[in-house]
Amino acid sequence: MLFMLIVKASKNSEKENLPSEALMEAMRKYNEELVEAGIRIMAKGLHPTSNALRLYYDAKNKISDIVEGPFENVDEIVTGFILIDVKSREEAIYWAKKMPDPQGYGEGQVELRQIYEF
């Protein structure tokens, strides 16, 4: 079963304020654990939305607008993700709960979502 741990942005991540060295080390160790367990497929961080574009579509499936970042509503923005392949939802929850606060400033928020597999 594929799950994605979606790391939400924060005011600090949108300003490119990197986490502390201690948190970077904790995240490195967490990722190593995922690899050693044989469940990590991919892990990536995203640039702030100041470097992004949003494309909007109309009812005829044509692009109606393109907006350059930065974007508002920081808590709705994704700043990174980890893709894992586990045997159950419970296992995904177990690994999600082991993740350190990805932002480090008391701003961390992670969303766990199962991926459709067609």
N, C-alpha and C. Protein backbone atom coordinates (compact mmCIF):
# COMPACT_ATOMS: atom_id res chain seq x y z
N MET A 1 0.85 -1.17 0.00
CA MET A 1 0.00 0.00 0.00
C MET A 1 0.90 1.24 0.00
N LEU A 2 0.63 2.13 -0.91
CA LEU A 2 1.40 3.36 -1.00
C LEU A 2 0.74 4.47 -0.18
N PHE A 3 1.56 5.16 0.59
CA PHE A 3 1.11 6.31 1.36
C PHE A 3 2.10 7.45 1.14
N MET A 4 1.57 8.66 1.23
CA MET A 4 2.42 9.83 1.15
C MET A 4 2.31 10.61 2.45
N LEU A 5 3.46 10.92 3.01
CA LEU A 5 3.54 11.83 4.15
C LEU A 5 3.78 13.21 3.54
N ILE A 6 2.78 14.05 3.60
CA ILE A 6 2.82 15.37 2.98
C ILE A 6 3.20 16.39 4.04
N VAL A 7 4.33 17.04 3.85
CA VAL A 7 4.80 18.04 4.80
C VAL A 7 4.25 19.39 4.37
N LYS A 8 3.48 19.99 5.27
CA LYS A 8 2.88 21.30 4.98
C LYS A 8 3.91 22.40 5.20
N ALA A 9 3.76 23.46 4.46
CA ALA A 9 4.66 24.61 4.57
C ALA A 9 4.39 25.38 5.85
N SER A 10 5.29 26.27 6.16
CA SER A 10 5.14 27.17 7.30
C SER A 10 5.68 28.54 6.89
N LYS A 11 5.49 29.50 7.74
CA LYS A 11 6.03 30.83 7.45
C LYS A 11 7.54 30.75 7.28
N ASN A 12 8.20 29.92 8.09
CA ASN A 12 9.65 29.78 7.99
C ASN A 12 10.08 29.08 6.71
N SER A 13 9.40 28.01 6.33
CA SER A 13 9.80 27.31 5.10
C SER A 13 9.57 28.19 3.87
N GLU A 14 8.52 29.00 3.91
CA GLU A 14 8.25 29.89 2.78
C GLU A 14 9.28 31.01 2.69
N LYS A 15 9.97 31.30 3.80
CA LYS A 15 11.04 32.30 3.80
C LYS A 15 12.41 31.65 3.60
N GLU A 16 12.42 30.34 3.32
CA GLU A 16 13.63 29.54 3.15
C GLU A 16 14.49 29.50 4.41
N ASN A 17 13.85 29.62 5.58
CA ASN A 17 14.56 29.44 6.84
C ASN A 17 14.67 27.95 7.10
N LEU A 18 15.86 27.42 6.94
CA LEU A 18 16.07 25.99 7.11
C LEU A 18 15.97 25.59 8.58
N PRO A 19 15.57 24.34 8.83
CA PRO A 19 15.53 23.85 10.22
C PRO A 19 16.93 23.83 10.82
N SER A 20 16.99 23.68 12.12
CA SER A 20 18.28 23.62 12.82
C SER A 20 19.07 22.40 12.38
N GLU A 21 20.36 22.42 12.65
CA GLU A 21 21.23 21.27 12.34
C GLU A 21 20.73 20.03 13.06
N ALA A 22 20.28 20.19 14.31
CA ALA A 22 19.78 19.04 15.09
C ALA A 22 18.56 18.43 14.42
N LEU A 23 17.66 19.26 13.92
CA LEU A 23 16.47 18.74 13.25
C LEU A 23 16.83 18.11 11.91
N MET A 24 17.76 18.71 11.19
CA MET A 24 18.21 18.12 9.92
C MET A 24 18.79 16.73 10.17
N GLU A 25 19.54 16.58 11.24
CA GLU A 25 20.11 15.28 11.59
C GLU A 25 19.01 14.29 11.98
N ALA A 26 18.02 14.74 12.73
CA ALA A 26 16.91 13.87 13.11
C ALA A 26 16.14 13.41 11.88
N MET A 27 15.92 14.29 10.93
CA MET A 27 15.22 13.92 9.69
C MET A 27 16.06 12.96 8.86
N ARG A 28 17.38 13.17 8.84
CA ARG A 28 18.26 12.27 8.11
C ARG A 28 18.17 10.86 8.70
N LYS A 29 18.20 10.78 10.04
CA LYS A 29 18.10 9.48 10.71
C LYS A 29 16.74 8.83 10.45
N TYR A 30 15.69 9.61 10.47
CA TYR A 30 14.35 9.10 10.19
C TYR A 30 14.30 8.51 8.78
N ASN A 31 14.85 9.23 7.82
CA ASN A 31 14.87 8.74 6.44
C ASN A 31 15.71 7.48 6.31
N GLU A 32 16.81 7.41 7.05
CA GLU A 32 17.63 6.19 7.06
C GLU A 32 16.83 5.01 7.59
N GLU A 33 16.05 5.23 8.64
CA GLU A 33 15.20 4.17 9.19
C GLU A 33 14.20 3.67 8.15
N LEU A 34 13.61 4.59 7.41
CA LEU A 34 12.66 4.22 6.37
C LEU A 34 13.34 3.38 5.28
N VAL A 35 14.54 3.78 4.90
CA VAL A 35 15.29 3.04 3.89
C VAL A 35 15.66 1.66 4.42
N GLU A 36 16.17 1.60 5.66
CA GLU A 36 16.56 0.32 6.25
C GLU A 36 15.36 -0.63 6.39
N ALA A 37 14.19 -0.07 6.63
CA ALA A 37 12.97 -0.88 6.74
C ALA A 37 12.48 -1.33 5.36
N GLY A 38 13.07 -0.76 4.30
CA GLY A 38 12.70 -1.13 2.94
C GLY A 38 11.38 -0.57 2.47
N ILE A 39 10.95 0.54 3.08
CA ILE A 39 9.63 1.08 2.72
C ILE A 39 9.67 2.45 2.03
N ARG A 40 10.80 3.14 2.10
CA ARG A 40 10.87 4.47 1.47
C ARG A 40 11.06 4.34 -0.03
N ILE A 41 10.15 4.97 -0.77
CA ILE A 41 10.23 5.01 -2.22
C ILE A 41 10.96 6.28 -2.66
N MET A 42 10.56 7.41 -2.05
CA MET A 42 11.13 8.70 -2.43
C MET A 42 10.86 9.72 -1.33
N ALA A 43 11.76 10.67 -1.19
CA ALA A 43 11.57 11.78 -0.26
C ALA A 43 12.15 13.03 -0.92
N LYS A 44 11.36 14.10 -0.98
CA LYS A 44 11.82 15.33 -1.62
C LYS A 44 11.24 16.55 -0.90
N GLY A 45 11.99 17.63 -0.95
CA GLY A 45 11.52 18.92 -0.46
C GLY A 45 11.29 19.84 -1.65
N LEU A 46 10.39 20.78 -1.47
CA LEU A 46 10.05 21.71 -2.54
C LEU A 46 10.54 23.12 -2.23
N HIS A 47 10.86 23.85 -3.27
CA HIS A 47 11.22 25.26 -3.11
C HIS A 47 10.00 26.04 -2.63
N PRO A 48 10.21 27.19 -2.01
CA PRO A 48 9.07 28.02 -1.57
C PRO A 48 8.21 28.45 -2.76
N THR A 49 6.99 28.84 -2.47
CA THR A 49 6.06 29.23 -3.53
C THR A 49 6.45 30.55 -4.22
N SER A 50 7.42 31.26 -3.66
CA SER A 50 7.91 32.46 -4.35
C SER A 50 8.54 32.06 -5.69
N ASN A 51 8.81 30.78 -5.85
CA ASN A 51 9.42 30.22 -7.05
C ASN A 51 8.41 29.42 -7.88
N ALA A 52 7.12 29.60 -7.62
CA ALA A 52 6.10 28.72 -8.20
C ALA A 52 5.09 29.48 -9.07
N LEU A 53 4.34 28.70 -9.84
CA LEU A 53 3.23 29.20 -10.64
C LEU A 53 2.01 28.35 -10.33
N ARG A 54 0.82 28.94 -10.42
CA ARG A 54 -0.44 28.21 -10.34
C ARG A 54 -1.18 28.40 -11.64
N LEU A 55 -1.62 27.30 -12.21
CA LEU A 55 -2.39 27.34 -13.44
C LEU A 55 -3.84 27.03 -13.12
N TYR A 56 -4.74 27.86 -13.59
CA TYR A 56 -6.17 27.68 -13.36
C TYR A 56 -6.83 27.31 -14.68
N TYR A 57 -7.80 26.37 -14.60
CA TYR A 57 -8.48 25.88 -15.79
C TYR A 57 -9.94 26.30 -15.78
N ASP A 58 -10.49 26.53 -16.98
CA ASP A 58 -11.90 26.86 -17.10
C ASP A 58 -12.71 25.58 -17.39
N ALA A 59 -14.01 25.73 -17.56
CA ALA A 59 -14.90 24.60 -17.78
C ALA A 59 -14.62 23.88 -19.10
N LYS A 60 -13.91 24.51 -20.01
CA LYS A 60 -13.57 23.89 -21.29
C LYS A 60 -12.18 23.25 -21.26
N ASN A 61 -11.62 23.10 -20.06
CA ASN A 61 -10.32 22.47 -19.84
C ASN A 61 -9.17 23.24 -20.47
N LYS A 62 -9.34 24.55 -20.54
CA LYS A 62 -8.27 25.42 -21.06
C LYS A 62 -7.75 26.28 -19.91
N ILE A 63 -6.49 26.61 -20.00
CA ILE A 63 -5.90 27.45 -18.95
C ILE A 63 -6.52 28.84 -19.04
N SER A 64 -7.12 29.25 -17.92
CA SER A 64 -7.78 30.56 -17.88
C SER A 64 -6.92 31.62 -17.20
N ASP A 65 -5.96 31.17 -16.38
CA ASP A 65 -5.13 32.13 -15.66
C ASP A 65 -3.88 31.44 -15.15
N ILE A 66 -2.80 32.20 -15.09
CA ILE A 66 -1.55 31.73 -14.49
C ILE A 66 -1.13 32.78 -13.48
N VAL A 67 -0.93 32.34 -12.24
CA VAL A 67 -0.58 33.26 -11.16
C VAL A 67 0.79 32.88 -10.61
N GLU A 68 1.65 33.87 -10.46
CA GLU A 68 2.96 33.63 -9.88
C GLU A 68 2.89 33.75 -8.36
N GLY A 69 3.71 32.91 -7.67
CA GLY A 69 3.79 32.97 -6.23
C GLY A 69 4.55 34.20 -5.80
N PRO A 70 4.66 34.43 -4.52
CA PRO A 70 4.29 33.54 -3.43
C PRO A 70 2.78 33.52 -3.20
N PHE A 71 2.33 32.42 -2.58
CA PHE A 71 0.91 32.23 -2.33
C PHE A 71 0.58 32.42 -0.86
N GLU A 72 -0.67 32.80 -0.60
CA GLU A 72 -1.17 32.98 0.76
C GLU A 72 -1.52 31.61 1.36
N ASN A 73 -2.13 31.60 2.53
CA ASN A 73 -2.60 30.38 3.19
C ASN A 73 -1.49 29.33 3.30
N VAL A 74 -0.45 29.68 3.99
CA VAL A 74 0.73 28.83 4.14
C VAL A 74 0.38 27.42 4.59
N ASP A 75 -0.61 27.26 5.47
CA ASP A 75 -0.93 25.93 5.99
C ASP A 75 -1.58 25.02 4.94
N GLU A 76 -1.90 25.55 3.77
CA GLU A 76 -2.47 24.74 2.69
C GLU A 76 -1.43 24.38 1.63
N ILE A 77 -0.20 24.84 1.81
CA ILE A 77 0.86 24.64 0.82
C ILE A 77 1.71 23.44 1.21
N VAL A 78 2.11 22.67 0.23
CA VAL A 78 2.99 21.52 0.45
C VAL A 78 4.44 21.97 0.27
N THR A 79 5.31 21.56 1.20
CA THR A 79 6.72 21.92 1.09
C THR A 79 7.62 20.70 0.92
N GLY A 80 7.04 19.52 1.05
CA GLY A 80 7.82 18.30 0.85
C GLY A 80 6.96 17.07 1.02
N PHE A 81 7.56 15.91 0.72
CA PHE A 81 6.81 14.67 0.86
C PHE A 81 7.75 13.49 1.00
N ILE A 82 7.23 12.44 1.59
CA ILE A 82 7.90 11.15 1.64
C ILE A 82 6.89 10.11 1.17
N LEU A 83 7.29 9.31 0.21
CA LEU A 83 6.44 8.26 -0.32
C LEU A 83 6.91 6.93 0.26
N ILE A 84 5.98 6.20 0.91
CA ILE A 84 6.33 4.92 1.52
C ILE A 84 5.41 3.81 0.99
N ASP A 85 5.95 2.60 0.99
CA ASP A 85 5.20 1.42 0.56
C ASP A 85 5.15 0.47 1.76
N VAL A 86 3.98 0.35 2.36
CA VAL A 86 3.81 -0.44 3.59
C VAL A 86 2.72 -1.49 3.41
N LYS A 87 2.58 -2.37 4.39
CA LYS A 87 1.61 -3.45 4.31
C LYS A 87 0.21 -3.06 4.77
N SER A 88 0.11 -1.98 5.57
CA SER A 88 -1.19 -1.62 6.12
C SER A 88 -1.25 -0.14 6.47
N ARG A 89 -2.46 0.34 6.67
CA ARG A 89 -2.68 1.72 7.12
C ARG A 89 -2.05 1.92 8.50
N GLU A 90 -2.17 0.91 9.34
CA GLU A 90 -1.60 0.99 10.70
C GLU A 90 -0.09 1.16 10.65
N GLU A 91 0.56 0.47 9.72
CA GLU A 91 2.02 0.61 9.58
C GLU A 91 2.37 2.02 9.09
N ALA A 92 1.56 2.56 8.18
CA ALA A 92 1.79 3.92 7.70
C ALA A 92 1.66 4.92 8.85
N ILE A 93 0.65 4.72 9.68
CA ILE A 93 0.45 5.60 10.85
C ILE A 93 1.64 5.49 11.79
N TYR A 94 2.11 4.27 12.02
CA TYR A 94 3.28 4.04 12.88
C TYR A 94 4.47 4.89 12.41
N TRP A 95 4.76 4.81 11.11
CA TRP A 95 5.90 5.56 10.58
C TRP A 95 5.65 7.07 10.57
N ALA A 96 4.42 7.47 10.32
CA ALA A 96 4.09 8.90 10.36
C ALA A 96 4.33 9.47 11.75
N LYS A 97 3.96 8.71 12.77
CA LYS A 97 4.12 9.18 14.15
C LYS A 97 5.58 9.23 14.58
N LYS A 98 6.45 8.53 13.88
CA LYS A 98 7.89 8.55 14.19
C LYS A 98 8.60 9.76 13.58
N MET A 99 7.96 10.43 12.63
CA MET A 99 8.61 11.55 11.96
C MET A 99 8.81 12.72 12.93
N PRO A 100 10.02 13.28 12.97
CA PRO A 100 10.23 14.48 13.78
C PRO A 100 9.42 15.65 13.20
N ASP A 101 9.18 16.66 14.01
CA ASP A 101 8.51 17.87 13.51
C ASP A 101 9.32 18.39 12.33
N PRO A 102 8.80 18.34 11.11
CA PRO A 102 9.59 18.68 9.94
C PRO A 102 9.94 20.16 9.82
N GLN A 103 9.24 21.02 10.54
CA GLN A 103 9.54 22.45 10.47
C GLN A 103 10.45 22.89 11.62
N GLY A 104 10.22 22.31 12.79
CA GLY A 104 11.11 22.58 13.91
C GLY A 104 10.79 23.78 14.76
N TYR A 105 9.99 24.68 14.30
CA TYR A 105 9.70 25.89 15.06
C TYR A 105 8.33 25.80 15.73
N GLY A 106 7.87 24.58 15.97
CA GLY A 106 6.53 24.38 16.50
C GLY A 106 5.47 24.62 15.45
N GLU A 107 5.88 24.64 14.18
CA GLU A 107 4.97 24.91 13.07
C GLU A 107 4.69 23.67 12.24
N GLY A 108 5.28 22.54 12.61
CA GLY A 108 5.20 21.34 11.78
C GLY A 108 3.79 20.80 11.65
N GLN A 109 3.50 20.33 10.45
CA GLN A 109 2.21 19.70 10.16
C GLN A 109 2.44 18.70 9.03
N VAL A 110 2.03 17.45 9.27
CA VAL A 110 2.19 16.40 8.27
C VAL A 110 0.83 15.76 8.03
N GLU A 111 0.52 15.56 6.77
CA GLU A 111 -0.73 14.91 6.38
C GLU A 111 -0.39 13.54 5.80
N LEU A 112 -1.06 12.50 6.25
CA LEU A 112 -0.84 11.15 5.75
C LEU A 112 -1.97 10.79 4.80
N ARG A 113 -1.63 10.46 3.55
CA ARG A 113 -2.66 10.15 2.55
C ARG A 113 -2.30 8.88 1.81
N GLN A 114 -3.30 8.00 1.63
CA GLN A 114 -3.10 6.80 0.84
C GLN A 114 -3.21 7.17 -0.64
N ILE A 115 -2.40 6.50 -1.45
CA ILE A 115 -2.37 6.76 -2.89
C ILE A 115 -3.19 5.68 -3.60
N TYR A 116 -4.01 6.11 -4.55
CA TYR A 116 -4.74 5.15 -5.38
C TYR A 116 -3.75 4.37 -6.21
N GLU A 117 -3.98 3.07 -6.31
CA GLU A 117 -3.14 2.22 -7.14
C GLU A 117 -4.04 1.51 -8.14
N PHE A 118 -4.02 1.98 -9.37
CA PHE A 118 -4.89 1.43 -10.41
C PHE A 118 -4.16 0.36 -11.19
